[in-house]
Amino acid sequence: MKSEEERWRTRDLLSSSDFVRLWLAGGFTNAMRWLELLAAGLYAYEVTGSGLAAAAVAAARQLPQLLFGAFAGAVAEAVNRKHVFLAALLIPASISAILATLAATGQLALWHIVVGGFISGTMWSTEMPTRRRMVGEAAGPARMVPAIALDSMTGAATRMIGPLLGGVTFELLGMAGAYGISSAVQFICGGAILGFAYAQETRKLALGGIFTDIAAGLRFARTNALILLVFVITIVVNAFAFCYSGLIAPIGSGEFKVSPTLVGVLAAAEPIGALTGGMLLASGLVRVDRRLTFVGGSALFFVALLVMAISPSYWLAVAVLVLGGLGTAGFSNMQSTLMLTEAPPEMRSRLMGIVTVCIGTGPLGVLLAGVLADVSSPRDAVLIMALVGLALTIALSAKLRVR
């Protein structure tokens, strides 16, 4: 059971206006990102009939995390993080408004979505070293663990709500409606953050120093097996597990033959489980070793993907992905918690930036899964990727002696 002090810390978070503002802005904008991602995948599959095309649209949105994540972490040490976060809200909002206009006038093309997704994804790559760090700072050291758990739980909720809204919106309002709603919500969140007071000791931004900071972060990770474990397992899970999200539209529409709304339900299944798991972790009702939760949660997700890939029915696939979401709750919660508790304050943003790069390997997995889907089938692609990912997770965990 939780102590009275621990219960107070969790409740006390919601009395902090700074925390609530950052938490809600992150929740609403992330929901819109997932809405756009599913709608874009449905549109790409609808106009091309290709699993690779649907995967490529998703990859374009996620690729900037690999290309720019480490730079974002280093920049966040030198530039006021509030300004970076504001840009990450207002630029994607403007892009979504442009795409909504193109769709409404019948001029939207697939390349518009790819380019717009890449630009918005570039701003998304700042999420971990800016907003997520600001959340931890607003909570304070004593409340950091419940704050990150609540924020991760909210992230899972957005991955559930976003695809559901994306499927329904695409079916009822098309791409103009999907992008229009997303743009409006992101502009509102930007307005809320304008009034947020944030103090940060900044330093001069030197481009050459960015590479030095990144190198220093990598050297530090080599001396800390736990941080190194976070890096390598993050790469494996994002490249070989979350690649399934790029094939949700082909699996739902092409293999299970369901409507766009039910494709959204399939996309929301894993986040439902992640939300449940996050609630248990945030409440303190479940107490487990952080390292084992991180690795074990990753392995559970891979097993769920294996079962989903061979599932004979749509609803069984939904059910096993919900169970797999319990694993991703452990993975995502401990990913940030371990970084923020194991790293010294002066290293956190750059290390979180490197985590973003590790997350950014996901598009490479999405593209590989898309190629496999066109060669065989979307479900075979998920099966192959999950088998390889599970094997790598077990091998790397044993190599780094995580018990």
Protein backbone atom coordinates (compact mmCIF):
# COMPACT_ATOMS: atom_id res chain seq x y z
CA MET A 1 0.00 0.00 0.00
CA LYS A 2 1.13 3.58 -0.57
CA SER A 3 2.11 5.67 2.42
CA GLU A 4 0.15 8.84 3.14
CA GLU A 5 3.20 10.85 2.09
CA GLU A 6 3.34 9.14 -1.33
CA ARG A 7 -0.37 9.66 -1.92
CA TRP A 8 0.06 13.34 -1.07
CA ARG A 9 2.90 13.72 -3.55
CA THR A 10 0.76 12.39 -6.39
CA ARG A 11 -2.23 14.58 -5.48
CA ASP A 12 -0.01 17.60 -4.89
CA LEU A 13 1.16 17.53 -8.52
CA LEU A 14 -2.24 18.73 -9.67
CA SER A 15 -2.02 21.76 -7.40
CA SER A 16 1.04 23.00 -9.30
CA SER A 17 -0.13 25.25 -12.12
CA ASP A 18 3.24 24.93 -13.89
CA PHE A 19 3.06 21.15 -13.90
CA VAL A 20 -0.58 21.09 -15.00
CA ARG A 21 0.06 23.50 -17.87
CA LEU A 22 2.96 21.45 -19.22
CA TRP A 23 1.14 18.18 -18.64
CA LEU A 24 -2.07 19.21 -20.42
CA ALA A 25 -0.26 20.91 -23.32
CA GLY A 26 1.76 17.76 -23.88
CA GLY A 27 -1.30 15.55 -23.64
CA PHE A 28 -3.44 17.46 -26.12
CA THR A 29 -0.70 18.02 -28.68
CA ASN A 30 0.49 14.43 -28.58
CA ALA A 31 -3.08 13.25 -29.14
CA MET A 32 -3.20 15.41 -32.26
CA ARG A 33 0.07 13.96 -33.52
CA TRP A 34 -1.29 10.43 -33.25
CA LEU A 35 -4.55 11.54 -34.88
CA GLU A 36 -2.59 12.85 -37.87
CA LEU A 37 -0.38 9.76 -38.03
CA LEU A 38 -3.32 7.36 -38.34
CA ALA A 39 -5.27 9.56 -40.74
CA ALA A 40 -2.18 9.92 -42.94
CA GLY A 41 -1.64 6.15 -42.97
CA LEU A 42 -5.26 5.51 -43.91
CA TYR A 43 -5.06 8.10 -46.70
CA ALA A 44 -1.79 6.66 -48.06
CA TYR A 45 -3.16 3.10 -48.09
CA GLU A 46 -6.45 4.26 -49.61
CA VAL A 47 -4.81 6.04 -52.57
CA THR A 48 -1.99 3.53 -53.20
CA GLY A 49 -3.04 0.16 -51.76
CA SER A 50 0.57 -0.28 -50.63
CA GLY A 51 1.72 -1.23 -47.13
CA LEU A 52 5.10 0.33 -47.90
CA ALA A 53 3.45 3.68 -48.76
CA ALA A 54 1.55 3.69 -45.46
CA ALA A 55 4.75 2.82 -43.60
CA ALA A 56 6.71 5.53 -45.44
CA VAL A 57 4.23 8.21 -44.35
CA ALA A 58 4.68 7.15 -40.73
CA ALA A 59 8.46 6.98 -41.14
CA ALA A 60 8.63 10.52 -42.51
CA ARG A 61 6.99 11.81 -39.33
CA GLN A 62 9.32 9.88 -37.04
CA LEU A 63 12.64 10.08 -38.92
CA PRO A 64 13.63 13.52 -37.52
CA GLN A 65 13.97 11.97 -34.07
CA LEU A 66 16.88 9.93 -35.39
CA LEU A 67 18.40 12.81 -37.35
CA PHE A 68 17.98 15.65 -34.89
CA GLY A 69 17.22 14.18 -31.44
CA ALA A 70 20.74 14.51 -30.07
CA PHE A 71 21.00 18.07 -31.42
CA ALA A 72 17.71 18.91 -29.74
CA GLY A 73 19.10 17.73 -26.42
CA ALA A 74 22.24 19.82 -26.75
CA VAL A 75 20.29 22.89 -27.94
CA ALA A 76 17.94 22.54 -24.96
CA GLU A 77 20.91 23.15 -22.67
CA ALA A 78 21.74 26.43 -24.42
CA VAL A 79 18.36 27.86 -25.51
CA ASN A 80 15.44 28.54 -23.20
CA ARG A 81 13.37 25.36 -23.26
CA LYS A 82 10.10 27.31 -23.17
CA HIS A 83 10.93 28.92 -26.52
CA VAL A 84 11.82 25.56 -28.05
CA PHE A 85 8.58 24.06 -26.77
CA LEU A 86 6.56 26.98 -28.15
CA ALA A 87 8.11 26.45 -31.57
CA ALA A 88 7.26 22.76 -31.30
CA LEU A 89 3.60 23.75 -30.86
CA LEU A 90 3.16 26.62 -33.30
CA ILE A 91 5.13 25.35 -36.30
CA PRO A 92 3.27 22.00 -36.53
CA ALA A 93 -0.02 23.86 -35.97
CA SER A 94 0.77 26.03 -39.00
CA ILE A 95 1.74 23.00 -41.10
CA SER A 96 -1.52 21.26 -40.19
CA ALA A 97 -3.49 24.38 -41.17
CA ILE A 98 -1.81 24.41 -44.58
CA LEU A 99 -2.51 20.70 -45.14
CA ALA A 100 -6.14 21.14 -44.06
CA THR A 101 -6.53 23.93 -46.62
CA LEU A 102 -5.00 21.79 -49.37
CA ALA A 103 -7.33 18.92 -48.51
CA ALA A 104 -10.39 21.16 -48.39
CA THR A 105 -9.58 22.56 -51.87
CA GLY A 106 -8.91 19.13 -53.36
CA GLN A 107 -5.20 19.79 -53.91
CA LEU A 108 -3.72 17.53 -51.22
CA ALA A 109 -1.10 15.08 -52.55
CA LEU A 110 0.81 12.34 -50.77
CA TRP A 111 4.07 14.26 -51.01
CA HIS A 112 2.46 17.18 -49.15
CA ILE A 113 1.76 14.84 -46.24
CA VAL A 114 5.29 13.42 -46.29
CA VAL A 115 6.96 16.85 -46.31
CA GLY A 116 4.56 18.29 -43.72
CA GLY A 117 5.03 15.24 -41.52
CA PHE A 118 8.80 15.57 -41.70
CA ILE A 119 8.71 19.25 -40.67
CA SER A 120 6.30 18.58 -37.81
CA GLY A 121 8.33 15.54 -36.80
CA THR A 122 11.43 17.72 -36.61
CA MET A 123 9.70 19.77 -33.95
CA TRP A 124 8.43 16.60 -32.26
CA SER A 125 12.07 15.52 -31.79
CA THR A 126 12.43 18.20 -29.09
CA GLU A 127 9.79 16.59 -26.84
CA MET A 128 12.06 14.50 -24.60
CA PRO A 129 14.82 17.05 -23.83
CA THR A 130 12.46 20.02 -23.47
CA ARG A 131 8.87 19.45 -22.35
CA ARG A 132 9.53 16.12 -20.60
CA ARG A 133 12.47 17.61 -18.71
CA MET A 134 10.41 20.68 -17.82
CA VAL A 135 7.73 18.37 -16.39
CA GLY A 136 10.30 16.79 -14.07
CA GLU A 137 11.62 20.21 -13.04
CA ALA A 138 8.12 21.55 -12.34
CA ALA A 139 7.40 18.54 -10.12
CA GLY A 140 10.65 18.77 -8.16
CA PRO A 141 12.91 15.93 -6.96
CA ALA A 142 10.49 14.61 -4.33
CA ARG A 143 7.64 14.26 -6.84
CA MET A 144 9.63 13.38 -9.98
CA VAL A 145 8.76 9.67 -10.10
CA PRO A 146 4.96 10.13 -9.82
CA ALA A 147 5.18 13.11 -12.20
CA ILE A 148 6.93 11.09 -14.90
CA ALA A 149 4.57 8.18 -14.31
CA LEU A 150 1.54 10.46 -14.70
CA ASP A 151 3.01 12.09 -17.81
CA SER A 152 3.84 8.69 -19.33
CA MET A 153 0.35 7.46 -18.49
CA THR A 154 -1.06 10.51 -20.25
CA GLY A 155 1.17 9.75 -23.23
CA ALA A 156 -0.39 6.31 -23.39
CA ALA A 157 -3.84 7.90 -23.22
CA THR A 158 -2.99 10.16 -26.16
CA ARG A 159 -1.83 7.16 -28.19
CA MET A 160 -5.25 5.65 -27.46
CA ILE A 161 -7.42 8.72 -27.98
CA GLY A 162 -5.48 10.09 -30.97
CA PRO A 163 -5.90 7.04 -33.25
CA LEU A 164 -9.55 6.66 -32.22
CA LEU A 165 -10.21 10.27 -33.16
CA GLY A 166 -8.11 9.82 -36.29
CA GLY A 167 -10.16 6.87 -37.50
CA VAL A 168 -13.51 8.51 -36.77
CA THR A 169 -12.45 11.91 -38.14
CA PHE A 170 -11.03 10.41 -41.34
CA GLU A 171 -14.22 8.41 -41.89
CA LEU A 172 -16.55 11.35 -41.26
CA LEU A 173 -14.60 14.49 -42.22
CA GLY A 174 -11.69 13.31 -44.35
CA MET A 175 -8.19 14.76 -44.25
CA ALA A 176 -9.41 18.36 -44.11
CA GLY A 177 -11.22 17.66 -40.85
CA ALA A 178 -8.34 15.69 -39.34
CA TYR A 179 -5.75 18.37 -40.02
CA GLY A 180 -8.14 21.21 -39.18
CA ILE A 181 -8.91 19.84 -35.71
CA SER A 182 -5.23 19.14 -35.07
CA SER A 183 -4.21 22.66 -36.06
CA ALA A 184 -6.79 24.31 -33.80
CA VAL A 185 -5.84 22.25 -30.74
CA GLN A 186 -2.11 22.92 -31.19
CA PHE A 187 -2.64 26.67 -31.57
CA ILE A 188 -4.70 26.70 -28.35
CA CYS A 189 -1.94 24.85 -26.48
CA GLY A 190 0.63 27.30 -27.82
CA GLY A 191 -1.43 30.15 -26.42
CA ALA A 192 -1.52 28.45 -23.02
CA ILE A 193 2.26 28.08 -22.92
CA LEU A 194 2.83 31.74 -23.86
CA GLY A 195 1.88 32.72 -20.32
CA PHE A 196 4.07 30.07 -18.70
CA ALA A 197 6.94 31.56 -16.66
CA TYR A 198 10.07 29.48 -17.02
CA ALA A 199 13.53 30.37 -15.72
CA GLN A 200 16.58 28.65 -17.14
CA GLU A 201 20.28 29.35 -16.91
CA THR A 202 21.32 29.32 -20.56
CA ARG A 203 24.71 29.42 -22.22
CA LYS A 204 25.99 30.48 -25.61
CA LEU A 205 24.97 28.10 -28.38
CA ALA A 206 28.05 26.93 -30.29
CA LEU A 207 27.45 24.48 -33.10
CA GLY A 208 30.83 22.85 -32.56
CA GLY A 209 29.99 22.44 -28.89
CA ILE A 210 26.89 20.41 -29.74
CA PHE A 211 29.04 17.55 -31.00
CA THR A 212 31.22 17.84 -27.90
CA ASP A 213 28.14 17.65 -25.64
CA ILE A 214 26.78 14.62 -27.50
CA ALA A 215 30.15 12.88 -27.28
CA ALA A 216 30.31 13.63 -23.54
CA GLY A 217 26.87 12.10 -23.09
CA LEU A 218 27.90 8.95 -24.93
CA ARG A 219 31.10 8.67 -22.89
CA PHE A 220 29.09 8.97 -19.69
CA ALA A 221 26.69 6.25 -20.87
CA ARG A 222 29.60 3.87 -21.44
CA THR A 223 30.44 4.15 -17.73
CA ASN A 224 26.88 3.47 -16.58
CA ALA A 225 25.50 0.06 -17.57
CA LEU A 226 21.94 1.02 -16.66
CA ILE A 227 21.87 4.07 -18.93
CA LEU A 228 23.51 2.04 -21.69
CA LEU A 229 20.78 -0.57 -21.25
CA VAL A 230 18.12 2.14 -21.66
CA PHE A 231 19.74 3.22 -24.93
CA VAL A 232 20.05 -0.23 -26.53
CA ILE A 233 16.63 -1.56 -25.46
CA THR A 234 15.03 1.69 -26.62
CA ILE A 235 16.56 1.12 -30.05
CA VAL A 236 15.34 -2.48 -30.19
CA VAL A 237 11.78 -1.72 -29.05
CA ASN A 238 11.32 1.25 -31.35
CA ALA A 239 12.87 -0.41 -34.41
CA PHE A 240 11.37 -3.87 -34.05
CA ALA A 241 8.19 -3.43 -31.97
CA PHE A 242 6.65 -0.02 -32.56
CA CYS A 243 7.17 -0.48 -36.31
CA TYR A 244 3.81 -2.29 -36.20
CA SER A 245 2.11 1.11 -35.94
CA GLY A 246 3.11 1.93 -39.52
CA LEU A 247 1.24 -1.18 -40.70
CA ILE A 248 -1.93 -0.67 -38.67
CA ALA A 249 -3.85 0.66 -41.69
CA PRO A 250 -2.89 -2.26 -44.00
CA ILE A 251 -3.51 -4.83 -41.26
CA GLY A 252 -6.89 -3.38 -40.27
CA SER A 253 -8.22 -2.40 -43.69
CA GLY A 254 -6.45 -4.98 -45.84
CA GLU A 255 -6.26 -8.11 -43.67
CA PHE A 256 -9.04 -7.83 -41.12
CA LYS A 257 -11.29 -5.90 -43.56
CA VAL A 258 -12.64 -3.47 -40.96
CA SER A 259 -13.75 0.17 -41.21
CA PRO A 260 -11.46 3.16 -40.54
CA THR A 261 -13.09 3.57 -37.13
CA LEU A 262 -12.22 -0.01 -36.17
CA VAL A 263 -8.72 0.50 -37.54
CA GLY A 264 -8.53 3.29 -34.98
CA VAL A 265 -9.67 0.85 -32.28
CA LEU A 266 -6.90 -1.56 -33.29
CA ALA A 267 -4.36 1.27 -33.13
CA ALA A 268 -5.69 2.27 -29.70
CA ALA A 269 -5.55 -1.25 -28.22
CA GLU A 270 -1.92 -1.21 -27.05
CA PRO A 271 -2.23 2.30 -25.58
CA ILE A 272 -5.29 1.15 -23.59
CA GLY A 273 -3.12 -1.45 -21.88
CA ALA A 274 -0.31 1.07 -21.47
CA LEU A 275 -2.73 3.50 -19.82
CA THR A 276 -3.89 0.82 -17.39
CA GLY A 277 -0.33 -0.13 -16.55
CA GLY A 278 0.66 3.50 -16.14
CA MET A 279 -2.21 4.05 -13.71
CA LEU A 280 -1.00 1.14 -11.59
CA LEU A 281 2.55 2.46 -11.55
CA ALA A 282 1.50 6.06 -10.87
CA SER A 283 -0.78 4.99 -8.02
CA GLY A 284 1.98 2.99 -6.32
CA LEU A 285 -0.25 -0.10 -6.10
CA VAL A 286 2.37 -2.01 -8.10
CA ARG A 287 5.95 -1.89 -6.86
CA VAL A 288 8.57 -3.61 -8.97
CA ASP A 289 12.26 -3.28 -9.70
CA ARG A 290 12.74 -0.47 -12.21
CA ARG A 291 15.29 -2.28 -14.36
CA LEU A 292 13.29 -5.47 -14.56
CA THR A 293 10.13 -3.52 -15.31
CA PHE A 294 11.89 -1.82 -18.23
CA VAL A 295 13.26 -5.04 -19.75
CA GLY A 296 10.32 -7.30 -18.82
CA GLY A 297 7.81 -4.84 -20.21
CA SER A 298 9.69 -4.75 -23.50
CA ALA A 299 9.68 -8.55 -23.73
CA LEU A 300 5.94 -8.73 -22.95
CA PHE A 301 5.18 -6.32 -25.78
CA PHE A 302 7.12 -8.43 -28.27
CA VAL A 303 5.22 -11.56 -27.22
CA ALA A 304 1.90 -9.73 -27.69
CA LEU A 305 2.94 -8.69 -31.22
CA LEU A 306 3.80 -12.30 -32.06
CA VAL A 307 0.33 -13.44 -31.00
CA MET A 308 -1.36 -10.54 -32.80
CA ALA A 309 0.49 -11.39 -36.02
CA ILE A 310 -0.94 -14.92 -36.10
CA SER A 311 -4.35 -14.06 -34.65
CA PRO A 312 -7.27 -15.52 -36.65
CA SER A 313 -9.64 -12.75 -35.59
CA TYR A 314 -9.70 -8.98 -35.29
CA TRP A 315 -10.98 -8.89 -31.72
CA LEU A 316 -8.35 -11.38 -30.49
CA ALA A 317 -5.72 -9.11 -32.04
CA VAL A 318 -7.20 -6.16 -30.15
CA ALA A 319 -7.19 -8.13 -26.88
CA VAL A 320 -3.56 -9.25 -27.07
CA LEU A 321 -2.42 -5.74 -27.96
CA VAL A 322 -4.16 -4.47 -24.82
CA LEU A 323 -2.14 -6.99 -22.81
CA GLY A 324 1.01 -5.94 -24.64
CA GLY A 325 0.30 -2.38 -23.58
CA LEU A 326 0.93 -3.39 -19.97
CA GLY A 327 4.46 -4.10 -21.11
CA THR A 328 4.90 -0.79 -22.89
CA ALA A 329 3.74 0.96 -19.71
CA GLY A 330 6.72 -0.49 -17.85
CA PHE A 331 9.03 0.28 -20.76
CA SER A 332 7.99 3.92 -21.26
CA ASN A 333 7.68 4.81 -17.57
CA MET A 334 11.10 3.47 -16.67
CA GLN A 335 12.75 4.84 -19.80
CA SER A 336 12.38 8.43 -18.56
CA THR A 337 12.53 7.64 -14.84
CA LEU A 338 15.83 5.77 -15.11
CA MET A 339 17.39 8.56 -17.17
CA LEU A 340 16.26 11.33 -14.81
CA THR A 341 17.25 9.48 -11.64
CA GLU A 342 20.53 7.93 -12.78
CA ALA A 343 22.04 10.89 -14.66
CA PRO A 344 23.46 14.03 -13.00
CA PRO A 345 21.45 17.22 -13.69
CA GLU A 346 24.03 18.71 -16.06
CA MET A 347 23.86 15.62 -18.29
CA ARG A 348 20.10 15.03 -18.38
CA SER A 349 19.05 17.04 -21.44
CA ARG A 350 21.84 15.70 -23.64
CA LEU A 351 21.18 12.13 -22.48
CA MET A 352 17.45 12.60 -23.08
CA GLY A 353 18.38 13.90 -26.51
CA ILE A 354 20.32 10.68 -27.17
CA VAL A 355 17.26 8.72 -26.02
CA THR A 356 15.31 10.65 -28.66
CA VAL A 357 17.85 9.49 -31.26
CA CYS A 358 17.35 5.92 -30.06
CA ILE A 359 13.59 6.38 -30.40
CA GLY A 360 14.27 7.82 -33.85
CA THR A 361 15.52 4.47 -35.11
CA GLY A 362 11.83 3.52 -35.27
CA PRO A 363 11.34 4.81 -38.84
CA LEU A 364 14.08 2.50 -40.07
CA GLY A 365 12.12 -0.39 -38.61
CA VAL A 366 8.90 0.99 -40.08
CA LEU A 367 10.44 1.12 -43.56
CA LEU A 368 11.91 -2.39 -43.22
CA ALA A 369 8.53 -3.68 -42.04
CA GLY A 370 6.90 -1.92 -45.00
CA VAL A 371 9.25 -3.67 -47.44
CA LEU A 372 8.56 -7.02 -45.77
CA ALA A 373 4.82 -6.30 -45.94
CA ASP A 374 4.95 -5.74 -49.71
CA VAL A 375 7.11 -8.85 -50.21
CA SER A 376 4.95 -11.10 -48.02
CA SER A 377 2.11 -9.61 -45.98
CA PRO A 378 1.71 -6.98 -43.23
CA ARG A 379 1.14 -9.61 -40.56
CA ASP A 380 4.17 -11.65 -41.66
CA ALA A 381 6.23 -8.46 -41.46
CA VAL A 382 5.15 -7.87 -37.85
CA LEU A 383 5.86 -11.53 -37.00
CA ILE A 384 9.41 -11.40 -38.36
CA MET A 385 10.23 -8.07 -36.73
CA ALA A 386 8.85 -9.17 -33.34
CA LEU A 387 10.83 -12.43 -33.37
CA VAL A 388 14.07 -10.60 -34.06
CA GLY A 389 13.30 -7.93 -31.45
CA LEU A 390 12.48 -10.45 -28.73
CA ALA A 391 15.72 -12.33 -29.39
CA LEU A 392 17.75 -9.10 -29.22
CA THR A 393 16.04 -8.00 -25.99
CA ILE A 394 16.89 -11.28 -24.26
CA ALA A 395 20.48 -11.29 -25.56
CA LEU A 396 21.24 -7.66 -24.66
CA SER A 397 19.69 -7.94 -21.20
CA ALA A 398 21.81 -11.00 -20.48
CA LYS A 399 24.93 -9.29 -21.84
CA LEU A 400 24.47 -6.26 -19.58
CA ARG A 401 23.62 -8.53 -16.62
CA VAL A 402 20.35 -6.86 -15.66
CA ARG A 403 18.72 -8.78 -12.83
